[in-house]
Every structure is written in structure tokens, then in C-alpha cells.
Protein backbone atom coordinates (compact mmCIF):
# COMPACT_ATOMS: atom_id res chain seq x y z
CA THR A 1 19.38 74.06 88.28
CA ARG A 2 21.84 77.14 87.93
CA ARG A 3 23.89 77.30 85.36
CA ARG A 4 27.42 78.76 85.77
CA SER A 5 29.92 80.56 82.90
CA CYS A 6 33.74 81.05 83.70
CA HIS A 7 36.60 82.39 81.70
CA ILE A 8 40.08 83.24 82.14
CA GLU A 9 41.84 86.41 82.40
CA THR A 10 45.46 86.67 82.23
CA ASN A 11 47.94 89.54 83.29
CA ASN A 12 50.53 90.99 81.33
CA LYS A 13 53.83 89.17 81.22
CA ARG A 14 57.17 90.73 81.50
CA VAL A 15 59.42 89.42 78.47
CA PRO A 16 62.90 90.19 77.42
CA SER A 17 63.56 93.08 75.16
CA THR A 18 65.33 91.39 72.69
CA ARG A 19 63.09 89.37 70.50
CA ILE A 20 63.87 87.05 67.17
CA THR A 21 60.54 86.57 65.14
CA GLY A 22 60.12 84.23 62.07
CA SER A 23 59.97 80.62 63.42
CA ASP A 24 58.49 77.65 61.11
CA GLU A 25 55.47 78.22 63.65
CA ASP A 26 54.87 81.69 62.61
CA GLU A 27 55.23 82.25 66.68
CA ASP A 28 57.69 84.61 68.45
CA VAL A 29 61.06 83.54 69.72
CA GLU A 30 62.30 85.21 72.46
CA THR A 31 66.17 85.13 73.21
CA LEU A 32 67.59 85.88 76.41
CA ALA A 33 69.02 89.36 76.85
CA ASP A 34 70.59 88.47 80.08
CA ASN A 35 71.71 84.82 81.31
CA LYS A 36 70.73 85.83 84.59
CA TYR A 37 67.06 86.53 83.70
CA TYR A 38 64.47 84.48 85.39
CA TYR A 39 60.77 83.67 84.29
CA GLN A 40 58.42 85.36 86.82
CA PRO A 41 55.39 82.93 87.29
CA ARG A 42 52.11 84.32 85.96
CA LEU A 43 48.84 84.56 87.37
CA PHE A 44 45.63 83.99 86.24
CA LYS A 45 42.09 85.09 87.47
CA LEU A 46 39.39 82.11 87.32
CA GLN A 47 35.97 84.25 87.39
CA VAL A 48 33.21 82.00 88.54
CA GLN A 49 29.91 83.90 87.53
CA PRO A 50 26.41 82.25 88.90
CA PHE A 51 23.53 84.16 87.93
CA GLU A 52 22.89 85.93 91.17
CA ASP A 53 26.51 86.45 92.30
CA ARG A 54 30.15 86.62 91.03
CA VAL A 55 33.32 85.03 92.69
CA VAL A 56 36.74 86.13 91.68
CA ALA A 57 39.67 83.79 92.78
CA THR A 58 43.07 84.40 92.01
CA VAL A 59 45.31 81.58 91.69
CA PRO A 60 49.06 80.63 90.48
CA PHE A 61 49.79 78.86 87.01
CA GLY A 62 50.18 75.09 87.55
CA PHE A 63 47.53 73.78 89.05
CA THR A 64 47.32 70.96 85.89
CA GLY A 65 47.51 67.24 86.76
CA LEU A 66 49.07 64.74 84.93
CA ARG A 67 47.02 61.55 84.06
CA ASN A 68 48.06 58.19 85.07
CA ILE A 69 48.83 56.05 81.49
CA GLY A 70 48.60 52.61 83.11
CA ASN A 71 51.14 52.69 85.95
CA THR A 72 53.33 55.56 84.87
CA CYS A 73 53.30 57.59 88.11
CA PHE A 74 57.38 56.85 87.91
CA MET A 75 57.03 59.12 84.70
CA ASN A 76 54.82 61.66 86.22
CA ALA A 77 57.15 62.13 89.05
CA THR A 78 59.88 63.10 87.07
CA LEU A 79 58.19 65.09 84.51
CA GLN A 80 56.43 67.29 87.62
CA MET A 81 59.79 67.65 89.27
CA LEU A 82 61.37 69.09 85.53
CA ILE A 83 58.24 71.40 84.75
CA ASN A 84 58.66 73.02 88.16
CA ASN A 85 62.20 74.28 87.16
CA ILE A 86 62.21 77.85 86.81
CA GLU A 87 64.83 77.63 84.50
CA LEU A 88 63.48 74.99 82.35
CA LYS A 89 60.10 76.68 82.13
CA THR A 90 61.25 79.86 80.96
CA TYR A 91 63.76 78.41 78.10
CA PHE A 92 60.34 76.32 77.05
CA LEU A 93 57.35 78.46 77.51
CA ASP A 94 59.27 81.43 75.91
CA ARG A 95 60.15 79.54 73.30
CA TYR A 96 64.05 79.75 73.91
CA TYR A 97 64.91 76.40 73.05
CA LYS A 98 63.78 76.52 69.50
CA LEU A 99 67.52 78.38 68.86
CA ASP A 100 69.17 75.36 70.27
CA VAL A 101 67.45 72.30 68.55
CA ASN A 102 69.93 70.11 66.76
CA PRO A 103 67.84 68.14 64.34
CA ASN A 104 71.16 66.31 63.01
CA ASN A 105 72.49 64.96 65.78
CA PRO A 106 71.97 61.01 65.73
CA LEU A 107 72.37 60.61 69.54
CA GLY A 108 69.14 62.73 69.84
CA PHE A 109 65.62 62.47 68.61
CA ARG A 110 66.53 64.98 65.73
CA GLY A 111 64.49 67.63 67.87
CA ARG A 112 61.26 65.70 68.06
CA LEU A 113 61.99 65.09 71.89
CA ALA A 114 62.48 68.90 72.56
CA ASP A 115 59.39 69.68 70.57
CA ALA A 116 57.41 67.21 72.51
CA PHE A 117 58.42 68.34 75.99
CA GLY A 118 57.95 72.22 75.04
CA ASP A 119 54.33 71.53 73.94
CA PHE A 120 53.83 69.69 77.00
CA MET A 121 55.33 72.24 79.33
CA ARG A 122 53.04 74.86 77.29
CA LEU A 123 49.89 72.64 77.87
CA VAL A 124 50.82 72.10 81.83
CA TRP A 125 51.03 75.74 82.45
CA ASN A 126 48.75 77.68 79.92
CA GLY A 127 45.88 77.51 83.20
CA GLN A 128 43.61 75.68 80.37
CA ASN A 129 43.73 72.28 81.44
CA ARG A 130 42.73 70.22 84.49
CA ALA A 131 45.01 67.16 83.62
CA VAL A 132 47.41 66.26 80.79
CA GLU A 133 48.45 63.05 79.14
CA PRO A 134 52.44 63.01 78.75
CA THR A 135 51.70 59.97 76.25
CA LYS A 136 54.25 61.57 73.18
CA ILE A 137 57.25 61.83 75.87
CA LYS A 138 56.56 58.33 76.55
CA GLU A 139 56.46 56.95 72.67
CA LEU A 140 59.54 59.08 72.21
CA VAL A 141 61.55 57.56 75.11
CA ALA A 142 60.70 54.31 74.53
CA GLU A 143 61.88 54.35 71.03
CA LYS A 144 65.40 54.32 72.47
CA ALA A 145 64.60 52.51 75.80
CA SER A 146 62.34 49.71 74.83
CA GLN A 147 61.57 48.72 78.43
CA PHE A 148 59.31 51.78 78.88
CA ALA A 149 57.13 50.97 76.03
CA ASN A 150 54.53 49.04 78.21
CA PHE A 151 52.64 50.42 80.90
CA ALA A 152 54.57 48.87 83.91
CA GLN A 153 56.03 50.05 86.74
CA HIS A 154 59.94 51.64 86.12
CA ASP A 155 62.62 53.31 88.10
CA ALA A 156 61.78 56.77 88.14
CA HIS A 157 65.25 57.55 88.12
CA GLU A 158 66.15 55.35 85.42
CA PHE A 159 63.50 57.26 83.21
CA LEU A 160 64.89 60.46 84.28
CA SER A 161 68.33 59.57 82.92
CA PHE A 162 66.66 58.49 79.39
CA LEU A 163 64.58 61.79 79.14
CA LEU A 164 67.71 64.35 80.42
CA ASP A 165 70.09 62.52 77.97
CA GLY A 166 67.69 62.70 75.06
CA LEU A 167 66.66 66.31 75.97
CA HIS A 168 70.53 67.22 76.09
CA GLU A 169 71.25 66.19 72.57
CA ASP A 170 68.28 67.26 70.88
CA LEU A 171 69.52 70.86 72.52
CA ASN A 172 73.03 70.34 72.22
CA ARG A 173 74.51 73.65 70.48
CA VAL A 174 77.89 71.62 69.62
CA LYS A 175 76.92 70.48 66.09
CA SER A 176 80.25 68.36 65.67
CA LYS A 177 81.70 67.07 68.60
CA PRO A 178 85.67 67.18 68.45
CA LEU A 179 88.05 64.51 70.00
CA THR A 180 89.06 65.47 73.71
CA THR A 181 91.72 63.51 76.29
CA THR A 182 91.33 62.85 80.21
CA VAL A 183 93.19 65.88 81.78
CA GLU A 184 95.02 65.00 84.88
CA GLY A 185 96.64 67.04 87.41
CA ASP A 186 100.09 66.67 87.07
CA GLY A 187 100.94 68.63 90.10
CA ARG A 188 98.78 71.54 89.17
CA SER A 189 96.28 73.46 91.18
CA ASP A 190 92.70 71.95 91.28
CA VAL A 191 91.13 74.89 90.01
CA ASP A 192 93.12 74.78 87.10
CA VAL A 193 92.70 71.27 86.16
CA SER A 194 88.93 71.52 87.16
CA ASN A 195 88.86 74.57 84.47
CA GLU A 196 90.53 72.63 81.74
CA ALA A 197 88.34 69.40 82.22
CA TRP A 198 85.20 71.59 82.39
CA PHE A 199 85.98 73.19 79.08
CA ASN A 200 86.98 69.84 77.41
CA HIS A 201 83.23 68.68 78.47
CA THR A 202 81.68 71.89 77.02
CA LEU A 203 83.41 71.24 73.90
CA ARG A 204 81.44 68.16 73.19
CA ASN A 205 78.12 69.14 75.57
CA ASP A 206 76.75 72.17 75.73
CA SER A 207 72.89 72.94 76.35
CA ILE A 208 70.61 74.27 79.34
CA PHE A 209 70.88 70.71 80.52
CA VAL A 210 74.87 71.04 81.12
CA ASP A 211 74.07 74.22 82.69
CA LEU A 212 71.19 72.95 85.02
CA PHE A 213 72.46 69.19 85.89
CA HIS A 214 75.99 68.42 85.07
CA GLY A 215 78.55 68.59 87.62
CA GLN A 216 82.34 67.47 88.50
CA LEU A 217 83.62 64.77 90.61
CA LYS A 218 87.08 64.99 91.76
CA SER A 219 88.56 61.74 91.70
CA ARG A 220 91.98 60.68 93.59
CA LEU A 221 94.01 57.81 92.93
CA GLN A 222 97.17 56.62 94.26
CA CYS A 223 99.51 53.79 93.18
CA PRO A 224 100.32 51.30 96.17
CA LYS A 225 103.81 50.57 94.59
CA CYS A 226 105.05 53.89 93.40
CA ASP A 227 103.06 56.24 95.33
CA ARG A 228 102.07 58.32 92.23
CA VAL A 229 98.88 60.41 92.86
CA SER A 230 96.45 60.66 89.73
CA ILE A 231 93.62 63.76 90.08
CA THR A 232 91.13 63.74 87.39
CA PHE A 233 87.87 65.76 87.48
CA ASP A 234 85.05 64.00 85.44
CA PRO A 235 81.57 65.34 84.90
CA PHE A 236 78.19 64.03 86.11
CA VAL A 237 74.62 64.16 85.55
CA TYR A 238 73.57 62.38 88.75
CA LEU A 239 75.25 62.08 92.06
CA PRO A 240 73.74 59.55 94.28
CA VAL A 241 73.28 60.84 98.20
CA PRO A 242 72.55 58.15 100.67
CA PHE A 243 69.70 58.59 103.00
CA PRO A 244 70.94 59.85 106.47
CA LYS A 245 71.22 56.51 108.62
CA LEU A 246 69.71 56.01 112.15
CA LYS A 247 72.42 56.84 114.78
CA LYS A 248 72.45 54.92 118.20
CA THR A 249 74.74 55.64 121.47
CA MET A 250 76.18 52.76 123.21
CA THR A 251 77.90 52.46 126.17
CA VAL A 252 81.18 50.16 125.54
CA TRP A 253 84.16 49.39 127.68
CA PHE A 254 87.62 49.90 125.76
CA TRP A 255 90.47 47.84 127.29
CA PRO A 256 94.22 49.09 125.74
CA HIS A 257 96.70 46.55 124.97
CA ASP A 258 98.80 47.54 127.69
CA PRO A 259 97.74 45.79 130.85
CA SER A 260 98.84 48.02 133.18
CA LEU A 261 96.33 50.73 131.74
CA ASN A 262 92.95 51.04 133.16
CA PRO A 263 89.91 50.40 130.92
CA LEU A 264 87.79 53.22 129.65
CA GLU A 265 84.29 53.63 129.47
CA LEU A 266 83.48 55.23 126.25
CA ASN A 267 79.70 56.37 124.64
CA VAL A 268 80.00 55.38 120.90
CA TYR A 269 77.60 57.45 118.55
CA TYR A 270 77.31 54.85 115.68
CA SER A 271 74.72 53.73 112.42
CA SER A 272 72.21 51.44 113.68
CA GLU A 273 71.90 50.29 109.95
CA GLY A 274 75.46 49.46 109.34
CA THR A 275 78.05 47.06 110.59
CA ILE A 276 80.14 46.20 113.05
CA GLN A 277 82.90 47.83 111.06
CA ASP A 278 81.22 51.06 111.42
CA PHE A 279 80.77 50.58 115.14
CA LEU A 280 84.54 49.87 115.23
CA ASN A 281 85.46 52.64 113.27
CA ALA A 282 83.28 55.40 115.46
CA LEU A 283 85.01 53.88 118.26
CA SER A 284 88.47 54.33 116.71
CA GLU A 285 87.89 58.10 116.01
CA ILE A 286 87.56 58.35 119.80
CA VAL A 287 90.40 56.39 121.07
CA ARG A 288 92.75 57.06 117.96
CA VAL A 289 93.61 53.74 117.59
CA PRO A 290 93.40 51.92 113.93
CA THR A 291 90.09 49.83 113.37
CA LYS A 292 91.90 46.77 112.52
CA VAL A 293 93.39 46.08 115.98
CA LEU A 294 90.41 46.50 117.54
CA ARG A 295 88.00 43.57 118.73
CA LEU A 296 84.59 43.52 120.13
CA ILE A 297 82.73 41.13 122.60
CA GLU A 298 79.50 40.74 124.32
CA VAL A 299 79.83 39.87 128.09
CA PHE A 300 77.10 38.03 130.15
CA GLY A 301 77.09 36.55 133.49
CA HIS A 302 80.90 36.60 133.89
CA ARG A 303 81.09 34.84 130.44
CA ILE A 304 81.80 35.74 126.65
CA GLN A 305 78.10 35.68 125.08
CA LYS A 306 79.50 36.72 121.46
CA ILE A 307 82.64 37.34 119.72
CA TYR A 308 81.67 40.19 117.02
CA SER A 309 82.90 39.99 113.49
CA PRO A 310 83.35 42.90 111.29
CA SER A 311 81.19 41.93 108.67
CA ASP A 312 78.38 41.23 111.55
CA LYS A 313 75.48 43.98 111.69
CA SER A 314 75.28 46.52 114.34
CA SER A 315 71.67 45.92 115.05
CA ASP A 316 72.56 42.62 116.38
CA ILE A 317 73.52 45.21 119.18
CA CYS A 318 70.66 45.26 121.46
CA CYS A 319 70.18 48.25 124.35
CA GLY A 320 71.57 46.81 127.84
CA ASP A 321 74.34 44.44 126.08
CA VAL A 322 77.59 44.71 127.84
CA LEU A 323 80.49 45.53 125.22
CA TYR A 324 84.15 45.23 125.73
CA ALA A 325 86.53 46.66 122.87
CA PHE A 326 90.11 45.34 123.04
CA GLN A 327 92.99 46.98 121.43
CA VAL A 328 95.50 43.95 120.31
CA HIS A 329 98.99 44.01 118.61
CA ASP A 330 99.32 45.15 115.07
CA PRO A 331 101.26 42.23 113.36
CA ALA A 332 102.74 45.11 111.49
CA ASP A 333 104.43 46.98 114.22
CA CYS A 334 105.85 43.76 115.79
CA ASN A 335 107.07 42.56 112.38
CA GLU A 336 105.95 38.79 113.18
CA PRO A 337 102.31 37.34 113.93
CA VAL A 338 100.40 38.16 116.91
CA VAL A 339 98.50 35.70 119.15
CA GLU A 340 94.96 36.45 120.53
CA LEU A 341 93.59 35.15 123.25
CA PHE A 342 90.14 35.08 125.04
CA VAL A 343 90.29 34.39 128.67
CA VAL A 344 87.43 33.47 131.39
CA GLN A 345 88.11 33.38 135.33
CA ARG A 346 86.62 30.41 136.80
CA GLN A 347 86.50 29.57 140.71
CA LEU A 348 88.56 26.63 141.46
CA TYR A 349 87.23 25.54 144.43
CA PRO A 350 83.23 25.37 144.48
CA SER A 351 81.86 27.71 146.80
CA THR A 352 79.12 25.31 148.15
CA LEU A 353 81.66 22.60 149.14
CA ARG A 354 82.05 21.91 153.01
CA TYR A 355 85.46 22.38 154.28
CA ALA A 356 85.90 19.11 155.81
CA CYS A 357 87.27 15.60 155.36
CA ASN A 358 85.51 13.34 153.14
CA GLU A 359 86.36 10.35 155.10
CA CYS A 360 86.52 11.46 158.95
CA GLY A 361 84.85 14.33 158.72
CA ARG A 362 87.56 16.77 160.43
CA SER A 363 88.35 20.16 159.52
CA THR A 364 91.06 21.30 162.07
CA GLU A 365 93.91 20.49 159.92
CA PRO A 366 95.02 21.80 156.22
CA LEU A 367 93.11 19.77 154.05
CA LYS A 368 93.93 18.59 150.54
CA ALA A 369 91.50 18.76 147.61
CA CYS A 370 90.98 16.10 145.29
CA GLU A 371 93.33 17.34 142.06
CA ALA A 372 91.05 15.26 139.62
CA CYS A 373 87.64 17.43 140.41
CA TYR A 374 88.61 19.57 143.54
CA ASN A 375 85.26 18.36 144.88
CA ALA A 376 86.51 16.70 147.95
CA TYR A 377 88.88 17.33 150.92
CA TYR A 378 90.94 14.75 152.66
CA CYS A 379 92.98 15.14 155.95
CA ASN A 380 95.99 13.00 154.38
CA LYS A 381 96.98 9.97 152.23
CA GLU A 382 95.48 7.53 154.47
CA CYS A 383 92.01 9.19 154.52
CA GLN A 384 92.03 9.36 150.86
CA LEU A 385 92.76 5.79 150.30
CA SER A 386 90.47 4.36 152.63
CA ASN A 387 87.48 6.46 151.37
CA TRP A 388 88.59 5.55 147.62
CA ASN A 389 88.72 1.82 148.75
CA LYS A 390 85.07 1.93 150.45
CA GLY A 391 84.08 3.62 146.89
CA GLY A 392 82.89 6.74 148.65
CA HIS A 393 84.45 9.28 146.64
CA ARG A 394 85.55 7.00 144.02
CA ASP A 395 82.16 6.74 142.35
CA GLU A 396 81.65 10.44 142.07
CA CYS A 397 84.95 11.61 141.35
CA ARG A 398 85.37 13.23 137.63
CA LYS A 399 86.77 16.00 136.01
CA ARG A 400 85.02 19.18 136.28
CA THR A 401 82.76 19.80 133.14
CA THR A 402 81.21 22.81 134.55
CA ALA A 403 82.59 25.45 137.24
CA ASP A 404 81.43 28.85 138.40
CA TYR A 405 82.57 31.78 136.38
CA VAL A 406 83.86 34.90 138.37
CA GLY A 407 85.49 38.25 137.37
CA GLN A 408 85.10 39.26 134.08
CA PRO A 409 86.48 37.71 130.84
CA PHE A 410 88.95 39.84 128.58
CA MET A 411 91.65 39.32 126.20
CA VAL A 412 95.36 39.15 125.82
CA SER A 413 97.94 39.46 122.76
CA LEU A 414 101.44 38.93 122.55
CA PRO A 415 103.77 38.57 119.73
CA ARG A 416 104.46 35.18 119.01
CA SER A 417 108.29 35.34 120.02
CA GLN A 418 107.14 36.88 123.44
CA LEU A 419 104.63 33.75 124.18
CA THR A 420 106.16 32.20 126.96
CA TYR A 421 104.48 30.73 130.08
CA CYS A 422 105.79 33.14 132.38
CA GLN A 423 105.25 36.05 130.10
CA LEU A 424 101.80 34.97 129.82
CA ILE A 425 101.61 34.84 133.45
CA ARG A 426 102.77 38.37 133.93
CA VAL A 427 100.30 39.71 131.58
CA LEU A 428 97.24 37.98 132.87
CA GLU A 429 98.23 38.52 136.59
CA ALA A 430 98.46 42.45 135.59
CA ARG A 431 95.09 42.23 133.44
CA CYS A 432 93.25 40.37 136.55
CA ARG A 433 93.84 43.73 138.74
CA PHE A 434 90.65 45.45 136.89
CA VAL A 435 88.66 42.55 136.22
């Protein structure tokens, strides 16, 4: 059996010129000579020396894993992200954090979490451990968030929020937090309001975690009654960003509310994971029409297959569907209620009916249809009575329950005051020119 010996050699690390010595641990504490100083990752040489040969491999620091303590992959993922932040790496490895530890802050861990994180950072980056267990960090966070005391699965973002808050309070340079007020715009420029709000925030919160992870979110609030606008800049630590949704393209026919205008064939680019409201919003941007006056239907076989509601899922739209979008009148513009009507077109006379009198069979003179069903023709009143008395068509006559659909369905809208028979006929005739 061959035996191998290995040892680690580290190269010299560049350090700032200013140094402060004399810490409680009798170790050097280095201070940043320049806020723009960035830590340069070190390399080490791993020398594997068999008896007969010698192989030297150069690899960067950081090839140290984290052991899973139960189901703590959520914590390990969070810690891996933090230890690879180059500014935090410099701050903790070179012990600059020792100057900022706030042992009297009741909101934090009185410096214990900061020290534990610093020790953890050194174990990960010293190149001497294949794996590290972040047990101490987990125990400290569980003191203020008891849900992390067990070894079950948890949300990584939730753990990160408690960890960052604890580290921030342990390293908060503000020893006594003054009272501050909310800063509002009141007509001033956004830059001035933002600077003042950020200054007030740093009066109570000042740490490396504020420098790296805190930001500002502009909020604009307008009163619907007096139209007063309030603009504030609120600090945030976490800014949720949604994943981009899958997009699809669908062809839709758009019908303006003016029946004299031609319908338009449009391609709409929309989110397939949203709602019909999102689809109508995308259509609204194309046609420059408010979403609230758009109605969407699916057409199949000359009939209305489905009337979509804004809350329906856009995934209900399938490839190959024929979609019609109609613009209706806005009640706010008309100052009165608006009536919306869906219209389908049916053939009055069956296309398969033979054009001949049901009684005598003649078809040379104009015939009249049975007004009850339109399924029979007669030369005159005498033929109808004769056929009816013999029980011919009388036994078959009934009001039509089905009819042949023709053309395309459509939609019309009219203000209630204009909803007369004559006006409705004019609108229907104008619309039927296109369908």
C-alpha cells in the first residue's frame, strides 16, 4: 500500500496599510484604509507527494462544503451565498467586523452571532476543512426564531431574513437610536426626498449589511377624493422579483363599438400563466382602448362557444381557438347604463326543405311558409286547411327548437336611452355587413 503525505502552502495576501492591534483574542485587526478596497481571493498549493513522484495542483480557496444537519439544505444554500460575497468575505476574514460589534444592542445577539459567523467564515476559507457544520449559527438564530430549532425543512428566504437582521443588529454602529419621522415629498424633487429619507434611515441603522443589502422603494399614493399625492421613500432589505412568465401569441379579431368600422385581425402577445384580464390588458395596449370596455368570446361553428370572464385563466385559451374581442360603450362616457347584447345568426328556412306545397305538390306559384315552424309550404289558405284537417302537417308542426347557424356571432352595445327597435335594427344590419 502506497502512503501519501500532503501539506498546504499559502501565498502572501495583500493587506491594507493601516492596522490596529491588541484585540481580546490577541490577533491583528485590520481596518479599511479605503472604502473601495476589495479582498483579493487567495490561492493555495495542494502538494500530493507519493513515494515515487510529486504532483502539485493549484486550486482556489473555497472548496469547503457544508454538512447537512438533518434537513438544513435551506440554511446551507443561504450561507453559501453569503460566504461568497466578496465584501463580506473581506470584512469577516480580515476581522474588520471586530470594530463594529455592538454588545449592548438588545435587538441583536450582543455580538455572539457576528463572532459565530466570523469563525464560520474562517473555517470555510482557510483551506483546511473538507466540510463544516454551521451548528452554532443555527442555534443562535433559533434563539429568536424558534421554528428553526428543529431539523425540519424550512424556507430559505425566511432563514435569510432572520440571519441578516441578527447580523445587522450585532454590527450596528449606532449605539443609541434617535427618533425619526417619515419624510414626504411635498413638491420637492425625488433626489432631495430620497437623500433625506436615507439619512434618517442611517441615523438608526448603519452597518455593512445596510451598505450591501438595504435600498429604497419609492411609493406614490394619490387620494381619490382630493387628488393629493404623497410620495415617500421607504427602506427595504428584500425586493421580491417574479420569474418571467411564459409568453404566447394568439390571433384575435377586434371589433370597434362603431358598427361601420371594419374588424381588425391582431396578434396579441400575452402571458399564458395569467388571466383573461392580462390578455385584455395586452390587447388594450395595441388598440388604445381601456380594458374595462373590452369583451372576449370564443367562436366555434358559427356560434358562441364561450364568453370569457376577466378572472378566467388565460391558459384556457388553446391553440386554434377563434377569438373575438368587442369594444362596448363605456357607461361613464354615456352617463347612463349600457345594454350589451350577444347576437347569433340563424337561417330562417331550412336549407334541406323542398320548395313545394305540402298539400298539392305544386311549386309554380309563390308559396307561403308555416309561421309556426317554417318547415312547410302552402299555395294558399285552402291547401293549408285541407292538409291540416287531414292531419298531415298538423301532427309534425311545432316551434323550431334547432336551426342552422350561419355567419358569425357578434356583440352590440347601446345606451339604454337609444335601445329602440329601429335603432337596434340599424346597428344589427350595419354589423351584419362583415359577418
